[in-house]
PDB file of N, CA and C in Angstrom:
ATOM      1  N   MET A   1      12.130  -2.780   5.061  1.00  0.00           N
ATOM      2  CA  MET A   1      11.045  -2.496   5.971  1.00  0.00           C
ATOM      3  C   MET A   1      10.059  -1.551   5.288  1.00  0.00           C
ATOM      4  N   LEU A   2       8.797  -1.803   5.477  1.00  0.00           N
ATOM      5  CA  LEU A   2       7.741  -0.985   4.897  1.00  0.00           C
ATOM      6  C   LEU A   2       7.069  -0.200   6.006  1.00  0.00           C
ATOM      7  N   ARG A   3       7.025   1.106   5.849  1.00  0.00           N
ATOM      8  CA  ARG A   3       6.295   1.982   6.764  1.00  0.00           C
ATOM      9  C   ARG A   3       5.312   2.780   5.932  1.00  0.00           C
ATOM     10  N   TRP A   4       4.201   3.211   6.523  1.00  0.00           N
ATOM     11  CA  TRP A   4       3.158   3.860   5.742  1.00  0.00           C
ATOM     12  C   TRP A   4       2.486   4.979   6.513  1.00  0.00           C
ATOM     13  N   ASN A   5       1.855   5.868   5.788  1.00  0.00           N
ATOM     14  CA  ASN A   5       0.951   6.888   6.315  1.00  0.00           C
ATOM     15  C   ASN A   5      -0.362   6.699   5.579  1.00  0.00           C
ATOM     16  N   ALA A   6      -1.486   6.840   6.282  1.00  0.00           N
ATOM     17  CA  ALA A   6      -2.760   6.542   5.641  1.00  0.00           C
ATOM     18  C   ALA A   6      -3.810   7.589   5.975  1.00  0.00           C
ATOM     19  N   THR A   7      -4.824   7.646   5.130  1.00  0.00           N
ATOM     20  CA  THR A   7      -5.969   8.505   5.387  1.00  0.00           C
ATOM     21  C   THR A   7      -6.814   7.863   6.474  1.00  0.00           C
ATOM     22  N   ARG A   8      -7.636   8.620   7.084  1.00  0.00           N
ATOM     23  CA  ARG A   8      -8.613   8.060   8.017  1.00  0.00           C
ATOM     24  C   ARG A   8      -9.885   7.837   7.215  1.00  0.00           C
ATOM     25  N   GLY A   9     -10.398   6.643   7.295  1.00  0.00           N
ATOM     26  CA  GLY A   9     -11.527   6.304   6.446  1.00  0.00           C
ATOM     27  C   GLY A   9     -12.807   6.029   7.186  1.00  0.00           C
ATOM     28  N   GLY A  10     -12.913   6.386   8.455  1.00  0.00           N
ATOM     29  CA  GLY A  10     -14.127   6.087   9.200  1.00  0.00           C
ATOM     30  C   GLY A  10     -14.344   4.595   9.251  1.00  0.00           C
ATOM     31  N   ARG A  11     -15.466   4.117   8.716  1.00  0.00           N
ATOM     32  CA  ARG A  11     -15.740   2.679   8.706  1.00  0.00           C
ATOM     33  C   ARG A  11     -14.951   1.948   7.632  1.00  0.00           C
ATOM     34  N   ARG A  12     -14.545   2.670   6.610  1.00  0.00           N
ATOM     35  CA  ARG A  12     -13.786   2.031   5.535  1.00  0.00           C
ATOM     36  C   ARG A  12     -12.335   1.840   5.972  1.00  0.00           C
ATOM     37  N   MET A  13     -11.688   0.889   5.354  1.00  0.00           N
ATOM     38  CA  MET A  13     -10.270   0.662   5.618  1.00  0.00           C
ATOM     39  C   MET A  13      -9.491   1.884   5.170  1.00  0.00           C
ATOM     40  N   ARG A  14      -8.530   2.253   5.944  1.00  0.00           N
ATOM     41  CA  ARG A  14      -7.669   3.368   5.562  1.00  0.00           C
ATOM     42  C   ARG A  14      -6.852   2.980   4.337  1.00  0.00           C
ATOM     43  N   SER A  15      -6.704   3.917   3.435  1.00  0.00           N
ATOM     44  CA  SER A  15      -5.875   3.645   2.258  1.00  0.00           C
ATOM     45  C   SER A  15      -4.569   4.416   2.377  1.00  0.00           C
ATOM     46  N   PRO A  16      -3.491   3.851   1.869  1.00  0.00           N
ATOM     47  CA  PRO A  16      -2.180   4.476   2.035  1.00  0.00           C
ATOM     48  C   PRO A  16      -2.049   5.775   1.247  1.00  0.00           C
ATOM     49  N   LEU A  17      -1.408   6.774   1.870  1.00  0.00           N
ATOM     50  CA  LEU A  17      -1.054   8.030   1.207  1.00  0.00           C
ATOM     51  C   LEU A  17       0.410   8.029   0.789  1.00  0.00           C
ATOM     52  N   ARG A  18       1.248   7.509   1.674  1.00  0.00           N
ATOM     53  CA  ARG A  18       2.689   7.421   1.443  1.00  0.00           C
ATOM     54  C   ARG A  18       3.179   6.127   2.060  1.00  0.00           C
ATOM     55  N   PHE A  19       4.292   5.635   1.529  1.00  0.00           N
ATOM     56  CA  PHE A  19       4.937   4.502   2.178  1.00  0.00           C
ATOM     57  C   PHE A  19       6.433   4.629   1.982  1.00  0.00           C
ATOM     58  N   ARG A  20       7.160   3.989   2.854  1.00  0.00           N
ATOM     59  CA  ARG A  20       8.622   4.073   2.846  1.00  0.00           C
ATOM     60  C   ARG A  20       9.173   2.658   2.768  1.00  0.00           C
ATOM     61  N   LEU A  21      10.037   2.442   1.793  1.00  0.00           N
ATOM     62  CA  LEU A  21      10.768   1.183   1.653  1.00  0.00           C
ATOM     63  C   LEU A  21      12.236   1.491   1.841  1.00  0.00           C
ATOM     64  N   ASP A  22      12.844   0.819   2.791  1.00  0.00           N
ATOM     65  CA  ASP A  22      14.238   1.089   3.133  1.00  0.00           C
ATOM     66  C   ASP A  22      14.381   2.575   3.427  1.00  0.00           C
ATOM     67  N   GLU A  23      15.147   3.294   2.647  1.00  0.00           N
ATOM     68  CA  GLU A  23      15.380   4.715   2.923  1.00  0.00           C
ATOM     69  C   GLU A  23      14.652   5.645   1.960  1.00  0.00           C
ATOM     70  N   HIS A  24      13.792   5.112   1.107  1.00  0.00           N
ATOM     71  CA  HIS A  24      13.102   5.947   0.112  1.00  0.00           C
ATOM     72  C   HIS A  24      11.610   6.047   0.421  1.00  0.00           C
ATOM     73  N   GLU A  25      11.090   7.286   0.382  1.00  0.00           N
ATOM     74  CA  GLU A  25       9.658   7.487   0.599  1.00  0.00           C
ATOM     75  C   GLU A  25       8.961   7.674  -0.745  1.00  0.00           C
ATOM     76  N   TYR A  26       7.805   7.021  -0.893  1.00  0.00           N
ATOM     77  CA  TYR A  26       6.998   7.089  -2.109  1.00  0.00           C
ATOM     78  C   TYR A  26       5.646   7.696  -1.769  1.00  0.00           C
ATOM     79  N   ARG A  27       5.134   8.519  -2.660  1.00  0.00           N
ATOM     80  CA  ARG A  27       3.799   9.078  -2.513  1.00  0.00           C
ATOM     81  C   ARG A  27       2.845   8.270  -3.384  1.00  0.00           C
ATOM     82  N   VAL A  28       1.699   7.929  -2.838  1.00  0.00           N
ATOM     83  CA  VAL A  28       0.702   7.174  -3.589  1.00  0.00           C
ATOM     84  C   VAL A  28      -0.017   8.131  -4.538  1.00  0.00           C
ATOM     85  N   GLU A  29       0.097   7.868  -5.828  1.00  0.00           N
ATOM     86  CA  GLU A  29      -0.582   8.675  -6.840  1.00  0.00           C
ATOM     87  C   GLU A  29      -2.022   8.219  -7.015  1.00  0.00           C
ATOM     88  N   GLU A  30      -2.231   6.893  -6.960  1.00  0.00           N
ATOM     89  CA  GLU A  30      -3.564   6.362  -7.225  1.00  0.00           C
ATOM     90  C   GLU A  30      -3.702   4.976  -6.597  1.00  0.00           C
ATOM     91  N   VAL A  31      -4.835   4.738  -5.954  1.00  0.00           N
ATOM     92  CA  VAL A  31      -5.190   3.387  -5.508  1.00  0.00           C
ATOM     93  C   VAL A  31      -5.973   2.766  -6.653  1.00  0.00           C
ATOM     94  N   LEU A  32      -5.398   1.756  -7.302  1.00  0.00           N
ATOM     95  CA  LEU A  32      -5.995   1.146  -8.487  1.00  0.00           C
ATOM     96  C   LEU A  32      -7.005   0.066  -8.142  1.00  0.00           C
ATOM     97  N   ASP A  33      -6.796  -0.605  -7.017  1.00  0.00           N
ATOM     98  CA  ASP A  33      -7.692  -1.682  -6.617  1.00  0.00           C
ATOM     99  C   ASP A  33      -7.506  -1.927  -5.130  1.00  0.00           C
ATOM    100  N   GLN A  34      -8.506  -2.537  -4.532  1.00  0.00           N
ATOM    101  CA  GLN A  34      -8.464  -2.904  -3.118  1.00  0.00           C
ATOM    102  C   GLN A  34      -9.311  -4.157  -2.956  1.00  0.00           C
ATOM    103  N   TRP A  35      -8.792  -5.139  -2.232  1.00  0.00           N
ATOM    104  CA  TRP A  35      -9.565  -6.359  -1.982  1.00  0.00           C
ATOM    105  C   TRP A  35      -9.211  -6.913  -0.617  1.00  0.00           C
ATOM    106  N   TYR A  36     -10.082  -7.811  -0.152  1.00  0.00           N
ATOM    107  CA  TYR A  36      -9.999  -8.312   1.217  1.00  0.00           C
ATOM    108  C   TYR A  36      -9.760  -9.811   1.248  1.00  0.00           C
ATOM    109  N   GLY A  37      -8.922 -10.243   2.182  1.00  0.00           N
ATOM    110  CA  GLY A  37      -8.730 -11.648   2.509  1.00  0.00           C
ATOM    111  C   GLY A  37      -9.221 -11.852   3.931  1.00  0.00           C
ATOM    112  N   PRO A  38      -9.124 -13.079   4.440  1.00  0.00           N
ATOM    113  CA  PRO A  38      -9.619 -13.354   5.796  1.00  0.00           C
ATOM    114  C   PRO A  38      -8.924 -12.518   6.878  1.00  0.00           C
ATOM    115  N   ASP A  39      -7.630 -12.282   6.732  1.00  0.00           N
ATOM    116  CA  ASP A  39      -6.868 -11.567   7.760  1.00  0.00           C
ATOM    117  C   ASP A  39      -6.109 -10.361   7.233  1.00  0.00           C
ATOM    118  N   HIS A  40      -6.346  -9.999   5.973  1.00  0.00           N
ATOM    119  CA  HIS A  40      -5.586  -8.920   5.343  1.00  0.00           C
ATOM    120  C   HIS A  40      -6.482  -8.106   4.417  1.00  0.00           C
ATOM    121  N   VAL A  41      -6.029  -6.884   4.153  1.00  0.00           N
ATOM    122  CA  VAL A  41      -6.604  -6.093   3.071  1.00  0.00           C
ATOM    123  C   VAL A  41      -5.430  -5.747   2.146  1.00  0.00           C
ATOM    124  N   PHE A  42      -5.678  -5.783   0.854  1.00  0.00           N
ATOM    125  CA  PHE A  42      -4.647  -5.561  -0.144  1.00  0.00           C
ATOM    126  C   PHE A  42      -4.948  -4.282  -0.909  1.00  0.00           C
ATOM    127  N   PHE A  43      -3.900  -3.554  -1.277  1.00  0.00           N
ATOM    128  CA  PHE A  43      -4.024  -2.349  -2.081  1.00  0.00           C
ATOM    129  C   PHE A  43      -3.076  -2.450  -3.271  1.00  0.00           C
ATOM    130  N   LYS A  44      -3.610  -2.265  -4.467  1.00  0.00           N
ATOM    131  CA  LYS A  44      -2.769  -2.138  -5.666  1.00  0.00           C
ATOM    132  C   LYS A  44      -2.681  -0.650  -5.946  1.00  0.00           C
ATOM    133  N   ILE A  45      -1.457  -0.114  -5.914  1.00  0.00           N
ATOM    134  CA  ILE A  45      -1.280   1.323  -6.045  1.00  0.00           C
ATOM    135  C   ILE A  45      -0.240   1.664  -7.101  1.00  0.00           C
ATOM    136  N   ARG A  46      -0.356   2.893  -7.614  1.00  0.00           N
ATOM    137  CA  ARG A  46       0.678   3.478  -8.464  1.00  0.00           C
ATOM    138  C   ARG A  46       1.331   4.573  -7.633  1.00  0.00           C
ATOM    139  N   ALA A  47       2.643   4.501  -7.514  1.00  0.00           N
ATOM    140  CA  ALA A  47       3.386   5.478  -6.713  1.00  0.00           C
ATOM    141  C   ALA A  47       3.951   6.579  -7.615  1.00  0.00           C
ATOM    142  N   ASP A  48       4.525   7.586  -6.986  1.00  0.00           N
ATOM    143  CA  ASP A  48       5.050   8.725  -7.724  1.00  0.00           C
ATOM    144  C   ASP A  48       6.261   8.386  -8.591  1.00  0.00           C
ATOM    145  N   ASP A  49       6.835   7.198  -8.443  1.00  0.00           N
ATOM    146  CA  ASP A  49       7.921   6.771  -9.326  1.00  0.00           C
ATOM    147  C   ASP A  49       7.386   6.051 -10.562  1.00  0.00           C
ATOM    148  N   GLY A  50       6.044   5.921 -10.662  1.00  0.00           N
ATOM    149  CA  GLY A  50       5.425   5.234 -11.790  1.00  0.00           C
ATOM    150  C   GLY A  50       5.293   3.736 -11.587  1.00  0.00           C
ATOM    151  N   GLY A  51       5.893   3.204 -10.533  1.00  0.00           N
ATOM    152  CA  GLY A  51       5.832   1.771 -10.265  1.00  0.00           C
ATOM    153  C   GLY A  51       4.475   1.343  -9.743  1.00  0.00           C
ATOM    154  N   LEU A  52       4.148   0.068  -9.974  1.00  0.00           N
ATOM    155  CA  LEU A  52       2.924  -0.525  -9.440  1.00  0.00           C
ATOM    156  C   LEU A  52       3.303  -1.403  -8.256  1.00  0.00           C
ATOM    157  N   TYR A  53       2.618  -1.217  -7.157  1.00  0.00           N
ATOM    158  CA  TYR A  53       2.912  -1.922  -5.918  1.00  0.00           C
ATOM    159  C   TYR A  53       1.643  -2.583  -5.402  1.00  0.00           C
ATOM    160  N   ILE A  54       1.783  -3.758  -4.828  1.00  0.00           N
ATOM    161  CA  ILE A  54       0.696  -4.360  -4.073  1.00  0.00           C
ATOM    162  C   ILE A  54       1.158  -4.430  -2.624  1.00  0.00           C
ATOM    163  N   LEU A  55       0.408  -3.753  -1.766  1.00  0.00           N
ATOM    164  CA  LEU A  55       0.707  -3.706  -0.339  1.00  0.00           C
ATOM    165  C   LEU A  55      -0.355  -4.489   0.411  1.00  0.00           C
ATOM    166  N   ARG A  56       0.073  -5.223   1.429  1.00  0.00           N
ATOM    167  CA  ARG A  56      -0.850  -6.025   2.235  1.00  0.00           C
ATOM    168  C   ARG A  56      -0.803  -5.526   3.676  1.00  0.00           C
ATOM    169  N   HIS A  57      -1.988  -5.299   4.230  1.00  0.00           N
ATOM    170  CA  HIS A  57      -2.107  -4.849   5.619  1.00  0.00           C
ATOM    171  C   HIS A  57      -2.802  -5.923   6.439  1.00  0.00           C
ATOM    172  N   GLU A  58      -2.157  -6.326   7.523  1.00  0.00           N
ATOM    173  CA  GLU A  58      -2.732  -7.349   8.405  1.00  0.00           C
ATOM    174  C   GLU A  58      -3.841  -6.721   9.248  1.00  0.00           C
ATOM    175  N   THR A  59      -5.043  -7.266   9.151  1.00  0.00           N
ATOM    176  CA  THR A  59      -6.191  -6.715   9.868  1.00  0.00           C
ATOM    177  C   THR A  59      -6.636  -7.578  11.038  1.00  0.00           C
ATOM    178  N   SER A  60      -5.981  -8.710  11.239  1.00  0.00           N
ATOM    179  CA  SER A  60      -6.403  -9.627  12.307  1.00  0.00           C
ATOM    180  C   SER A  60      -5.932  -9.180  13.685  1.00  0.00           C
ATOM    181  N   VAL A  61      -5.034  -8.190  13.739  1.00  0.00           N
ATOM    182  CA  VAL A  61      -4.578  -7.627  15.012  1.00  0.00           C
ATOM    183  C   VAL A  61      -4.700  -6.108  14.934  1.00  0.00           C
ATOM    184  N   LEU A  62      -4.841  -5.473  16.080  1.00  0.00           N
ATOM    185  CA  LEU A  62      -5.101  -4.037  16.129  1.00  0.00           C
ATOM    186  C   LEU A  62      -4.027  -3.218  15.415  1.00  0.00           C
ATOM    187  N   GLU A  63      -2.792  -3.459  15.693  1.00  0.00           N
ATOM    188  CA  GLU A  63      -1.698  -2.711  15.073  1.00  0.00           C
ATOM    189  C   GLU A  63      -1.016  -3.564  14.002  1.00  0.00           C
ATOM    190  N   GLY A  64      -1.806  -4.100  13.092  1.00  0.00           N
ATOM    191  CA  GLY A  64      -1.276  -4.996  12.066  1.00  0.00           C
ATOM    192  C   GLY A  64      -0.248  -4.333  11.181  1.00  0.00           C
ATOM    193  N   GLY A  65       0.722  -5.114  10.766  1.00  0.00           N
ATOM    194  CA  GLY A  65       1.799  -4.608   9.946  1.00  0.00           C
ATOM    195  C   GLY A  65       1.453  -4.549   8.465  1.00  0.00           C
ATOM    196  N   TRP A  66       2.350  -3.944   7.718  1.00  0.00           N
ATOM    197  CA  TRP A  66       2.229  -3.812   6.267  1.00  0.00           C
ATOM    198  C   TRP A  66       3.377  -4.561   5.616  1.00  0.00           C
ATOM    199  N   GLU A  67       3.105  -5.138   4.444  1.00  0.00           N
ATOM    200  CA  GLU A  67       4.129  -5.839   3.675  1.00  0.00           C
ATOM    201  C   GLU A  67       4.006  -5.489   2.209  1.00  0.00           C
ATOM    202  N   LEU A  68       5.144  -5.481   1.537  1.00  0.00           N
ATOM    203  CA  LEU A  68       5.167  -5.364   0.084  1.00  0.00           C
ATOM    204  C   LEU A  68       4.990  -6.767  -0.472  1.00  0.00           C
ATOM    205  N   VAL A  69       3.943  -6.965  -1.276  1.00  0.00           N
ATOM    206  CA  VAL A  69       3.659  -8.270  -1.855  1.00  0.00           C
ATOM    207  C   VAL A  69       4.228  -8.366  -3.264  1.00  0.00           C
ATOM    208  N   SER A  70       4.124  -7.265  -4.018  1.00  0.00           N
ATOM    209  CA  SER A  70       4.534  -7.297  -5.417  1.00  0.00           C
ATOM    210  C   SER A  70       4.959  -5.905  -5.862  1.00  0.00           C
ATOM    211  N   PHE A  71       5.866  -5.854  -6.831  1.00  0.00           N
ATOM    212  CA  PHE A  71       6.321  -4.598  -7.410  1.00  0.00           C
ATOM    213  C   PHE A  71       6.553  -4.814  -8.893  1.00  0.00           C
ATOM    214  N   ARG A  72       6.113  -3.856  -9.692  1.00  0.00           N
ATOM    215  CA  ARG A  72       6.405  -3.877 -11.124  1.00  0.00           C
ATOM    216  C   ARG A  72       6.899  -2.503 -11.523  1.00  0.00           C
ATOM    217  N   GLU A  73       8.057  -2.463 -12.190  1.00  0.00           N
ATOM    218  CA  GLU A  73       8.627  -1.204 -12.635  1.00  0.00           C
ATOM    219  C   GLU A  73       7.771  -0.579 -13.725  1.00  0.00           C
ATOM    220  N   PRO A  74       7.835   0.752 -13.837  1.00  0.00           N
ATOM    221  CA  PRO A  74       7.062   1.403 -14.910  1.00  0.00           C
ATOM    222  C   PRO A  74       7.608   1.011 -16.275  1.00  0.00           C
ATOM    223  N   ARG A  75       6.697   0.979 -17.243  1.00  0.00           N
ATOM    224  CA  ARG A  75       7.111   0.682 -18.623  1.00  0.00           C
ATOM    225  C   ARG A  75       7.893   1.846 -19.183  1.00  0.00           C
ATOM    226  N   ARG A  76       8.912   1.538 -19.917  1.00  0.00           N
ATOM    227  CA  ARG A  76       9.751   2.568 -20.551  1.00  0.00           C
ATOM    228  C   ARG A  76       9.498   2.521 -22.054  1.00  0.00           C
ATOM    229  N   GLY A  77       9.364   3.731 -22.604  1.00  0.00           N
ATOM    230  CA  GLY A  77       9.273   3.807 -24.069  1.00  0.00           C
ATOM    231  C   GLY A  77       7.986   3.692 -24.667  1.00  0.00           C
TER     232      GLY A  77
END
Protein backbone atom coordinates (compact mmCIF):
# COMPACT_ATOMS: atom_id res chain seq x y z
CA MET A 1 0.00 0.00 0.00
CA LEU A 2 1.24 3.47 -0.87
CA ARG A 3 0.46 6.41 1.40
CA TRP A 4 1.81 9.93 0.93
CA ASN A 5 2.17 13.40 2.39
CA ALA A 6 2.34 16.34 0.01
CA THR A 7 2.99 20.05 -0.16
CA ARG A 8 0.15 22.39 -0.91
CA GLY A 9 0.71 23.83 -4.32
CA GLY A 10 -2.16 26.26 -4.82
CA ARG A 11 -3.09 25.89 -8.49
CA ARG A 12 -0.20 23.53 -9.15
CA MET A 13 -0.46 19.83 -8.42
CA ARG A 14 0.81 18.95 -5.00
CA SER A 15 4.14 17.18 -5.05
CA PRO A 16 4.98 14.40 -2.61
CA LEU A 17 7.14 15.12 0.45
CA ARG A 18 7.04 11.63 1.95
CA PHE A 19 5.50 8.32 1.06
CA ARG A 20 5.06 5.02 2.82
CA LEU A 21 5.32 1.60 1.21
CA ASP A 22 4.22 -1.26 3.42
CA GLU A 23 5.84 -0.45 6.77
CA HIS A 24 8.69 1.81 5.58
CA GLU A 25 8.48 5.59 5.22
CA TYR A 26 10.61 7.37 2.60
CA ARG A 27 11.41 11.06 2.40
CA VAL A 28 11.44 12.65 -1.04
CA GLU A 29 14.88 14.14 -1.68
CA GLU A 30 14.13 15.49 -5.14
CA VAL A 31 11.31 15.59 -7.68
CA LEU A 32 13.18 14.82 -10.91
CA ASP A 33 10.27 15.07 -13.32
CA GLN A 34 6.51 15.52 -13.43
CA TRP A 35 4.10 14.86 -16.29
CA TYR A 36 0.39 14.61 -16.90
CA GLY A 37 -1.91 12.00 -18.42
CA PRO A 38 -5.66 12.27 -19.03
CA ASP A 39 -6.58 11.03 -15.54
CA HIS A 40 -3.26 10.98 -13.68
CA VAL A 41 -0.22 13.02 -12.78
CA PHE A 42 3.13 11.24 -12.52
CA PHE A 43 6.15 12.10 -10.38
CA LYS A 44 9.67 10.73 -10.86
CA ILE A 45 11.41 11.14 -7.52
CA ARG A 46 14.61 10.27 -5.70
CA ALA A 47 13.96 9.14 -2.14
CA ASP A 48 16.23 9.23 0.89
CA ASP A 49 17.27 5.61 0.24
CA GLY A 50 18.77 6.70 -3.11
CA GLY A 51 16.13 4.79 -5.08
CA LEU A 52 14.27 6.23 -8.06
CA TYR A 53 10.50 5.93 -7.90
CA ILE A 54 7.70 6.82 -10.28
CA LEU A 55 4.47 7.56 -8.43
CA ARG A 56 1.10 8.02 -10.12
CA HIS A 57 -1.72 10.07 -8.62
CA GLU A 58 -5.27 9.67 -9.91
CA THR A 59 -6.71 13.12 -10.63
CA SER A 60 -10.05 12.11 -12.16
CA VAL A 61 -11.66 11.85 -8.70
CA LEU A 62 -11.44 14.22 -5.74
CA GLU A 63 -9.67 11.85 -3.36
CA GLY A 64 -7.68 10.01 -6.01
CA GLY A 65 -5.29 7.32 -4.91
CA TRP A 66 -1.55 6.94 -5.38
CA GLU A 67 0.29 4.00 -6.94
CA LEU A 68 3.88 2.95 -7.33
CA VAL A 69 4.49 2.57 -11.06
CA SER A 70 8.23 1.90 -11.13
CA PHE A 71 11.22 1.50 -8.82
CA ARG A 72 14.93 1.37 -9.53
CA GLU A 73 17.50 0.63 -6.85
CA PRO A 74 20.42 3.03 -6.41
CA ARG A 75 23.60 2.21 -8.28
CA ARG A 76 26.32 0.67 -6.15
CA GLY A 77 29.98 1.30 -6.67
